[in-house]
Structure formats: C-alpha cells, structure tokens
Protein backbone atom coordinates (compact mmCIF):
# COMPACT_ATOMS: atom_id res chain seq x y z
CA MET A 1 234.23 183.69 80.28
CA VAL A 2 232.02 186.74 80.87
CA HIS A 3 233.81 188.57 78.04
CA GLN A 4 233.07 185.80 75.48
CA ASN A 5 229.43 185.64 76.65
CA VAL A 6 229.10 189.35 76.17
CA HIS A 7 230.58 189.13 72.77
CA GLN A 8 228.26 186.26 71.68
CA GLN A 9 225.19 188.22 73.02
CA LEU A 10 226.16 191.35 71.32
CA GLN A 11 226.60 189.39 68.04
CA GLN A 12 223.09 188.10 68.34
CA ILE A 13 221.82 191.58 69.15
CA SER A 14 223.60 192.94 66.16
CA LYS A 15 221.88 190.40 63.95
CA GLN A 16 218.57 191.24 65.36
CA LEU A 17 219.16 194.89 65.01
CA HIS A 18 219.97 194.41 61.40
CA GLU A 19 216.72 192.45 60.83
CA ALA A 20 214.77 195.38 62.41
CA GLN A 21 216.66 197.88 60.31
CA GLU A 22 215.79 195.82 57.23
CA SER A 23 212.01 195.70 58.27
CA ALA A 24 212.08 199.48 58.80
CA ARG A 25 213.72 200.08 55.38
CA LEU A 26 211.23 197.85 53.53
CA ALA A 27 208.26 199.49 55.42
CA GLN A 28 209.32 203.11 54.62
CA GLY A 29 206.23 205.04 53.66
CA SER A 30 204.14 202.00 52.83
CA ASP A 31 203.53 199.37 55.36
CA PRO A 32 202.52 200.28 58.91
CA GLN A 33 202.50 196.58 59.78
CA LEU A 34 206.16 196.28 58.90
CA LEU A 35 206.93 199.38 60.93
CA GLU A 36 205.16 197.98 63.95
CA GLN A 37 207.24 194.69 63.47
CA ALA A 38 210.44 196.77 63.33
CA ASP A 39 209.38 198.60 66.50
CA GLN A 40 208.69 195.41 68.24
CA GLN A 41 212.12 194.04 67.09
CA LEU A 42 213.81 197.27 68.36
CA ASN A 43 212.06 196.82 71.76
CA GLU A 44 213.43 193.22 72.05
CA VAL A 45 216.98 194.56 71.06
CA GLU A 46 216.82 197.25 73.68
CA GLN A 47 215.89 194.66 76.29
CA GLN A 48 218.78 192.46 75.30
CA LEU A 49 221.12 195.37 75.57
CA GLN A 50 219.91 196.06 78.94
CA ASN A 51 220.25 192.50 79.97
CA VAL A 52 223.83 192.46 78.69
CA GLN A 53 224.49 195.56 80.67
CA ASN A 54 222.92 194.14 83.86
CA GLN A 55 225.07 190.97 83.50
CA ALA A 56 228.41 192.35 82.49
CA GLY A 57 228.14 196.00 84.07
CA ALA A 58 230.68 198.51 82.94
CA GLU A 59 232.49 196.00 80.85
CA SER A 60 229.71 195.82 78.33
CA THR A 61 229.09 199.54 78.18
CA GLU A 62 232.83 200.09 77.35
CA ASN A 63 232.65 197.57 74.61
CA PRO A 64 232.70 199.15 71.18
CA GLN A 65 230.37 196.59 69.80
CA PHE A 66 227.91 197.42 72.67
CA GLN A 67 228.10 201.14 71.91
CA GLN A 68 227.72 200.70 68.18
CA ALA A 69 224.54 198.53 68.74
CA TYR A 70 223.14 201.01 71.12
CA GLU A 71 223.81 203.80 68.65
CA GLN A 72 222.19 201.77 65.77
CA LEU A 73 219.21 200.95 68.06
CA HIS A 74 218.56 204.76 68.63
CA ASP A 75 219.12 205.63 64.91
CA THR A 76 216.73 202.92 63.71
CA ARG A 77 214.28 203.67 66.30
CA GLN A 78 214.36 207.37 65.21
CA GLN A 79 213.80 206.33 61.58
CA VAL A 80 210.82 204.03 62.47
CA GLN A 81 209.18 206.85 64.51
CA GLU A 82 209.68 209.37 61.72
CA ALA A 83 208.18 206.86 59.13
CA GLN A 84 205.19 206.14 61.47
CA GLN A 85 204.63 209.90 61.82
CA ASN A 86 204.82 210.41 58.09
CA ASN A 87 202.26 207.50 57.70
CA ASN A 88 200.02 209.20 60.18
CA ASP A 89 200.34 212.55 58.52
CA VAL A 90 199.21 211.07 55.10
CA LEU A 91 196.24 209.55 56.79
C-alpha cells in the first residue's frame, strides 16, 4: 500500500513540476511575475518530495521516479534562478 501511495504522490509531484517548468519556460527573460510563480511552485514540489521521503523513507529515495523528480526540481530551480538573475542584470 505504501508503494502505491508513493507512486501516486510522485505522479502528482511530476505533474506540478511540469507546470513549474512551463511557467519558467514562458517567463524566460520577460516576466518576473511568472518566474516568481514558478519559484513558488518549485518550493511546493520540494516540500511534497520531502513529505514523500518522510513517509516512505528509503523506499522513496530509491524510487527512480523520485530521483527523476528531484533532479528535475534541481535543474528547473537553477533555470529559474538564472532567469531571475538575468532579469536583475537587465534592470
């Protein structure tokens, strides 16, 4: 049961992560408000990943879907931070 619950949670996290990635992509270089929205979405995703890890322990961190979501979270957060920095440099 725990495995199924982890899988469902990770599917939801993946969906939210894709939404954050889309917000970041749309905001690239032009919309600081969308970048802020993407950053907030990423914070929520990160919290949810931590919740899954707390609930399922090692099972979650060994799950390839969890690992992929964590890597995508990190990569997307880096893109958002770079875009925010680029916006700040322009101003």
